[in-house]
PDB file of N, CA and C in Angstrom:
ATOM      1  N   MET A   1      26.751 -55.990 -14.654  1.00  0.00           N
ATOM      2  CA  MET A   1      27.877 -55.290 -15.014  1.00  0.00           C
ATOM      3  C   MET A   1      28.542 -54.347 -13.571  1.00  0.00           C
ATOM      4  N   THR A   2      29.533 -54.435 -13.679  1.00  0.00           N
ATOM      5  CA  THR A   2      30.261 -53.554 -12.442  1.00  0.00           C
ATOM      6  C   THR A   2      30.182 -52.281 -12.206  1.00  0.00           C
ATOM      7  N   LYS A   3      29.727 -51.943 -10.993  1.00  0.00           N
ATOM      8  CA  LYS A   3      29.731 -50.344 -11.334  1.00  0.00           C
ATOM      9  C   LYS A   3      31.431 -49.758 -10.975  1.00  0.00           C
ATOM     10  N   PRO A   4      31.877 -49.097 -11.737  1.00  0.00           N
ATOM     11  CA  PRO A   4      33.158 -48.088 -11.695  1.00  0.00           C
ATOM     12  C   PRO A   4      33.370 -47.350 -10.455  1.00  0.00           C
ATOM     13  N   LEU A   5      34.400 -47.890  -9.864  1.00  0.00           N
ATOM     14  CA  LEU A   5      34.897 -46.657  -8.220  1.00  0.00           C
ATOM     15  C   LEU A   5      34.901 -45.542  -8.872  1.00  0.00           C
ATOM     16  N   LYS A   6      34.392 -44.817  -7.744  1.00  0.00           N
ATOM     17  CA  LYS A   6      34.393 -43.068  -8.012  1.00  0.00           C
ATOM     18  C   LYS A   6      36.007 -42.769  -7.325  1.00  0.00           C
ATOM     19  N   SER A   7      36.771 -43.705  -6.609  1.00  0.00           N
ATOM     20  CA  SER A   7      38.047 -43.161  -6.216  1.00  0.00           C
ATOM     21  C   SER A   7      39.434 -43.896  -6.091  1.00  0.00           C
ATOM     22  N   GLU A   8      39.942 -43.447  -5.498  1.00  0.00           N
ATOM     23  CA  GLU A   8      41.544 -44.465  -5.396  1.00  0.00           C
ATOM     24  C   GLU A   8      40.971 -45.127  -4.124  1.00  0.00           C
ATOM     25  N   GLY A   9      40.419 -44.251  -3.008  1.00  0.00           N
ATOM     26  CA  GLY A   9      40.156 -44.803  -1.624  1.00  0.00           C
ATOM     27  C   GLY A   9      39.262 -45.877  -1.700  1.00  0.00           C
ATOM     28  N   GLU A  10      38.370 -46.127  -2.764  1.00  0.00           N
ATOM     29  CA  GLU A  10      37.196 -47.022  -2.611  1.00  0.00           C
ATOM     30  C   GLU A  10      37.850 -48.606  -3.405  1.00  0.00           C
ATOM     31  N   LEU A  11      38.784 -47.866  -4.195  1.00  0.00           N
ATOM     32  CA  LEU A  11      39.334 -49.165  -4.719  1.00  0.00           C
ATOM     33  C   LEU A  11      40.375 -50.132  -3.763  1.00  0.00           C
ATOM     34  N   PHE A  12      41.143 -49.411  -2.563  1.00  0.00           N
ATOM     35  CA  PHE A  12      41.568 -49.658  -1.768  1.00  0.00           C
ATOM     36  C   PHE A  12      40.904 -50.504  -0.811  1.00  0.00           C
ATOM     37  N   LYS A  13      39.723 -50.143  -0.282  1.00  0.00           N
ATOM     38  CA  LYS A  13      38.745 -50.450   0.722  1.00  0.00           C
ATOM     39  C   LYS A  13      38.442 -52.233  -0.116  1.00  0.00           C
ATOM     40  N   LYS A  14      37.852 -52.234  -1.482  1.00  0.00           N
ATOM     41  CA  LYS A  14      37.653 -52.940  -2.194  1.00  0.00           C
ATOM     42  C   LYS A  14      38.837 -53.984  -2.155  1.00  0.00           C
ATOM     43  N   ILE A  15      40.011 -54.000  -2.543  1.00  0.00           N
ATOM     44  CA  ILE A  15      41.087 -54.944  -2.992  1.00  0.00           C
ATOM     45  C   ILE A  15      41.320 -55.468  -1.348  1.00  0.00           C
ATOM     46  N   MET A  16      41.153 -54.524  -0.347  1.00  0.00           N
ATOM     47  CA  MET A  16      41.776 -55.262   1.018  1.00  0.00           C
ATOM     48  C   MET A  16      40.930 -56.063   1.732  1.00  0.00           C
ATOM     49  N   GLY A  17      39.464 -55.584   1.389  1.00  0.00           N
ATOM     50  CA  GLY A  17      38.319 -56.604   2.191  1.00  0.00           C
ATOM     51  C   GLY A  17      38.206 -56.173   3.429  1.00  0.00           C
ATOM     52  N   LYS A  18      38.209 -56.825   4.253  1.00  0.00           N
ATOM     53  CA  LYS A  18      37.984 -57.337   5.500  1.00  0.00           C
ATOM     54  C   LYS A  18      39.391 -56.894   6.112  1.00  0.00           C
ATOM     55  N   GLU A  19      40.745 -56.860   5.978  1.00  0.00           N
ATOM     56  CA  GLU A  19      41.675 -56.399   6.105  1.00  0.00           C
ATOM     57  C   GLU A  19      41.622 -55.030   6.319  1.00  0.00           C
ATOM     58  N   TRP A  20      40.840 -54.058   5.355  1.00  0.00           N
ATOM     59  CA  TRP A  20      41.140 -52.974   5.524  1.00  0.00           C
ATOM     60  C   TRP A  20      40.569 -52.047   7.630  1.00  0.00           C
ATOM     61  N   LEU A  21      39.788 -53.410   7.652  1.00  0.00           N
ATOM     62  CA  LEU A  21      39.390 -52.789   9.229  1.00  0.00           C
ATOM     63  C   LEU A  21      40.507 -52.870  10.354  1.00  0.00           C
ATOM     64  N   ASN A  22      41.881 -53.627   9.880  1.00  0.00           N
ATOM     65  CA  ASN A  22      42.967 -53.593  10.488  1.00  0.00           C
ATOM     66  C   ASN A  22      44.023 -52.750  10.647  1.00  0.00           C
ATOM     67  N   LEU A  23      43.545 -51.652   9.501  1.00  0.00           N
ATOM     68  CA  LEU A  23      44.434 -50.709   9.644  1.00  0.00           C
ATOM     69  C   LEU A  23      44.471 -49.909  10.583  1.00  0.00           C
ATOM     70  N   HIS A  24      45.495 -49.289  10.942  1.00  0.00           N
ATOM     71  CA  HIS A  24      45.045 -48.001  11.873  1.00  0.00           C
ATOM     72  C   HIS A  24      44.330 -47.302  11.517  1.00  0.00           C
ATOM     73  N   PRO A  25      43.122 -46.332  12.442  1.00  0.00           N
ATOM     74  CA  PRO A  25      42.433 -45.628  12.355  1.00  0.00           C
ATOM     75  C   PRO A  25      42.697 -44.132  11.289  1.00  0.00           C
ATOM     76  N   ASP A  26      44.049 -43.782  11.847  1.00  0.00           N
ATOM     77  CA  ASP A  26      44.530 -42.388  10.973  1.00  0.00           C
ATOM     78  C   ASP A  26      45.052 -43.276   9.415  1.00  0.00           C
ATOM     79  N   ILE A  27      45.017 -44.378   8.686  1.00  0.00           N
ATOM     80  CA  ILE A  27      45.508 -44.763   7.712  1.00  0.00           C
ATOM     81  C   ILE A  27      43.987 -44.736   6.962  1.00  0.00           C
ATOM     82  N   GLN A  28      43.319 -45.139   7.684  1.00  0.00           N
ATOM     83  CA  GLN A  28      41.753 -45.301   7.103  1.00  0.00           C
ATOM     84  C   GLN A  28      41.012 -44.163   6.801  1.00  0.00           C
ATOM     85  N   LYS A  29      41.646 -43.217   7.827  1.00  0.00           N
ATOM     86  CA  LYS A  29      41.179 -41.852   7.761  1.00  0.00           C
ATOM     87  C   LYS A  29      41.589 -41.225   6.590  1.00  0.00           C
ATOM     88  N   ARG A  30      43.050 -41.309   6.188  1.00  0.00           N
ATOM     89  CA  ARG A  30      43.441 -40.775   5.281  1.00  0.00           C
ATOM     90  C   ARG A  30      42.672 -41.369   3.933  1.00  0.00           C
ATOM     91  N   PHE A  31      43.120 -42.600   3.480  1.00  0.00           N
ATOM     92  CA  PHE A  31      42.601 -43.034   2.538  1.00  0.00           C
ATOM     93  C   PHE A  31      40.984 -42.907   2.275  1.00  0.00           C
ATOM     94  N   SER A  32      40.015 -42.577   3.482  1.00  0.00           N
ATOM     95  CA  SER A  32      38.855 -42.561   3.027  1.00  0.00           C
ATOM     96  C   SER A  32      38.557 -41.175   2.511  1.00  0.00           C
ATOM     97  N   LYS A  33      39.040 -40.777   2.466  1.00  0.00           N
ATOM     98  CA  LYS A  33      39.138 -38.977   1.268  1.00  0.00           C
ATOM     99  C   LYS A  33      38.583 -39.130   0.237  1.00  0.00           C
ATOM    100  N   ASN A  34      39.042 -40.531  -0.491  1.00  0.00           N
ATOM    101  CA  ASN A  34      38.259 -40.462  -1.889  1.00  0.00           C
ATOM    102  C   ASN A  34      38.615 -39.500  -2.596  1.00  0.00           C
ATOM    103  N   PRO A  35      40.003 -38.962  -3.118  1.00  0.00           N
ATOM    104  CA  PRO A  35      40.399 -38.298  -3.910  1.00  0.00           C
ATOM    105  C   PRO A  35      39.647 -38.607  -5.209  1.00  0.00           C
ATOM    106  N   GLU A  36      39.414 -37.861  -6.099  1.00  0.00           N
ATOM    107  CA  GLU A  36      38.966 -38.279  -7.628  1.00  0.00           C
ATOM    108  C   GLU A  36      40.271 -38.658  -8.152  1.00  0.00           C
ATOM    109  N   LEU A  37      39.927 -39.846  -9.099  1.00  0.00           N
ATOM    110  CA  LEU A  37      41.321 -40.632 -10.092  1.00  0.00           C
ATOM    111  C   LEU A  37      41.722 -39.136 -10.476  1.00  0.00           C
ATOM    112  N   GLY A  38      43.007 -39.668 -10.663  1.00  0.00           N
ATOM    113  CA  GLY A  38      44.016 -38.414 -11.261  1.00  0.00           C
ATOM    114  C   GLY A  38      44.370 -36.992 -10.769  1.00  0.00           C
ATOM    115  N   HIS A  39      43.622 -36.607  -9.249  1.00  0.00           N
ATOM    116  CA  HIS A  39      43.600 -36.141  -8.663  1.00  0.00           C
ATOM    117  C   HIS A  39      44.311 -36.339  -7.132  1.00  0.00           C
ATOM    118  N   PRO A  40      45.530 -36.626  -7.096  1.00  0.00           N
ATOM    119  CA  PRO A  40      45.916 -36.871  -5.708  1.00  0.00           C
ATOM    120  C   PRO A  40      45.626 -35.960  -4.410  1.00  0.00           C
ATOM    121  N   LEU A  41      45.826 -36.497  -3.580  1.00  0.00           N
ATOM    122  CA  LEU A  41      45.659 -35.606  -2.318  1.00  0.00           C
ATOM    123  C   LEU A  41      46.795 -35.484  -1.818  1.00  0.00           C
ATOM    124  N   LYS A  42      47.586 -34.480  -1.096  1.00  0.00           N
ATOM    125  CA  LYS A  42      48.858 -33.551  -1.233  1.00  0.00           C
ATOM    126  C   LYS A  42      49.074 -33.612   0.425  1.00  0.00           C
ATOM    127  N   TYR A  43      49.950 -34.004   1.481  1.00  0.00           N
ATOM    128  CA  TYR A  43      49.854 -34.190   2.828  1.00  0.00           C
ATOM    129  C   TYR A  43      51.360 -33.529   2.971  1.00  0.00           C
ATOM    130  N   THR A  44      51.649 -32.720   4.066  1.00  0.00           N
ATOM    131  CA  THR A  44      52.712 -32.275   4.392  1.00  0.00           C
ATOM    132  C   THR A  44      53.001 -32.623   5.831  1.00  0.00           C
ATOM    133  N   GLY A  45      54.419 -33.070   5.996  1.00  0.00           N
ATOM    134  CA  GLY A  45      54.778 -33.624   6.970  1.00  0.00           C
ATOM    135  C   GLY A  45      56.549 -34.195   6.844  1.00  0.00           C
ATOM    136  N   THR A  46      56.692 -34.966   8.293  1.00  0.00           N
ATOM    137  CA  THR A  46      57.803 -35.310   8.247  1.00  0.00           C
ATOM    138  C   THR A  46      57.860 -36.949   7.688  1.00  0.00           C
ATOM    139  N   LEU A  47      58.816 -37.607   7.564  1.00  0.00           N
ATOM    140  CA  LEU A  47      58.405 -39.029   6.984  1.00  0.00           C
ATOM    141  C   LEU A  47      59.842 -39.442   8.206  1.00  0.00           C
ATOM    142  N   GLU A  48      59.488 -40.215   8.967  1.00  0.00           N
ATOM    143  CA  GLU A  48      60.423 -40.859   9.782  1.00  0.00           C
ATOM    144  C   GLU A  48      60.930 -41.956   9.492  1.00  0.00           C
ATOM    145  N   GLU A  49      60.448 -42.587   8.387  1.00  0.00           N
ATOM    146  CA  GLU A  49      60.722 -43.788   8.193  1.00  0.00           C
ATOM    147  C   GLU A  49      60.321 -44.305   6.883  1.00  0.00           C
ATOM    148  N   LEU A  50      61.269 -44.778   5.981  1.00  0.00           N
ATOM    149  CA  LEU A  50      60.867 -45.160   4.729  1.00  0.00           C
ATOM    150  C   LEU A  50      61.910 -46.032   4.532  1.00  0.00           C
ATOM    151  N   SER A  51      61.022 -47.400   3.491  1.00  0.00           N
ATOM    152  CA  SER A  51      61.469 -48.602   3.290  1.00  0.00           C
ATOM    153  C   SER A  51      61.264 -48.969   2.029  1.00  0.00           C
ATOM    154  N   CYS A  52      61.943 -50.012   0.901  1.00  0.00           N
ATOM    155  CA  CYS A  52      61.470 -50.204  -0.157  1.00  0.00           C
ATOM    156  C   CYS A  52      61.418 -51.561   0.010  1.00  0.00           C
ATOM    157  N   SER A  53      61.326 -52.668  -1.375  1.00  0.00           N
ATOM    158  CA  SER A  53      61.896 -53.782  -1.817  1.00  0.00           C
ATOM    159  C   SER A  53      63.076 -53.745  -2.734  1.00  0.00           C
ATOM    160  N   PHE A  54      63.765 -54.622  -2.884  1.00  0.00           N
ATOM    161  CA  PHE A  54      64.922 -54.933  -3.456  1.00  0.00           C
ATOM    162  C   PHE A  54      64.752 -54.179  -5.068  1.00  0.00           C
ATOM    163  N   TRP A  55      63.476 -54.464  -5.531  1.00  0.00           N
ATOM    164  CA  TRP A  55      63.259 -53.421  -7.019  1.00  0.00           C
ATOM    165  C   TRP A  55      63.200 -52.289  -7.123  1.00  0.00           C
ATOM    166  N   GLY A  56      62.214 -51.976  -5.632  1.00  0.00           N
ATOM    167  CA  GLY A  56      62.341 -50.196  -5.456  1.00  0.00           C
ATOM    168  C   GLY A  56      63.252 -49.720  -5.309  1.00  0.00           C
ATOM    169  N   GLU A  57      64.599 -50.318  -4.760  1.00  0.00           N
ATOM    170  CA  GLU A  57      65.693 -49.691  -4.659  1.00  0.00           C
ATOM    171  C   GLU A  57      66.567 -49.720  -5.902  1.00  0.00           C
ATOM    172  N   ILE A  58      66.487 -50.548  -6.840  1.00  0.00           N
ATOM    173  CA  ILE A  58      66.895 -50.970  -8.205  1.00  0.00           C
ATOM    174  C   ILE A  58      66.429 -49.955  -8.739  1.00  0.00           C
ATOM    175  N   LEU A  59      65.055 -49.682  -8.997  1.00  0.00           N
ATOM    176  CA  LEU A  59      64.888 -48.810 -10.176  1.00  0.00           C
ATOM    177  C   LEU A  59      64.538 -46.938  -9.347  1.00  0.00           C
ATOM    178  N   ASP A  60      64.998 -46.851  -7.989  1.00  0.00           N
ATOM    179  CA  ASP A  60      65.207 -45.737  -7.694  1.00  0.00           C
ATOM    180  C   ASP A  60      66.610 -44.839  -8.282  1.00  0.00           C
TER     181      ASP A  60
END
């Protein structure tokens, strides 16, 4: 039986596998905080760049 993941942070690490280590340390730190499912972390700041896929543009 598979043990359920405790958080979204753990899910990202599991999905990414070894690629997790290629992320910038700041990104690893952000997602290693492991918020509980359904209880997202909120950040404040300025977004310098934003891009999306074709479908993301259409859905906006």
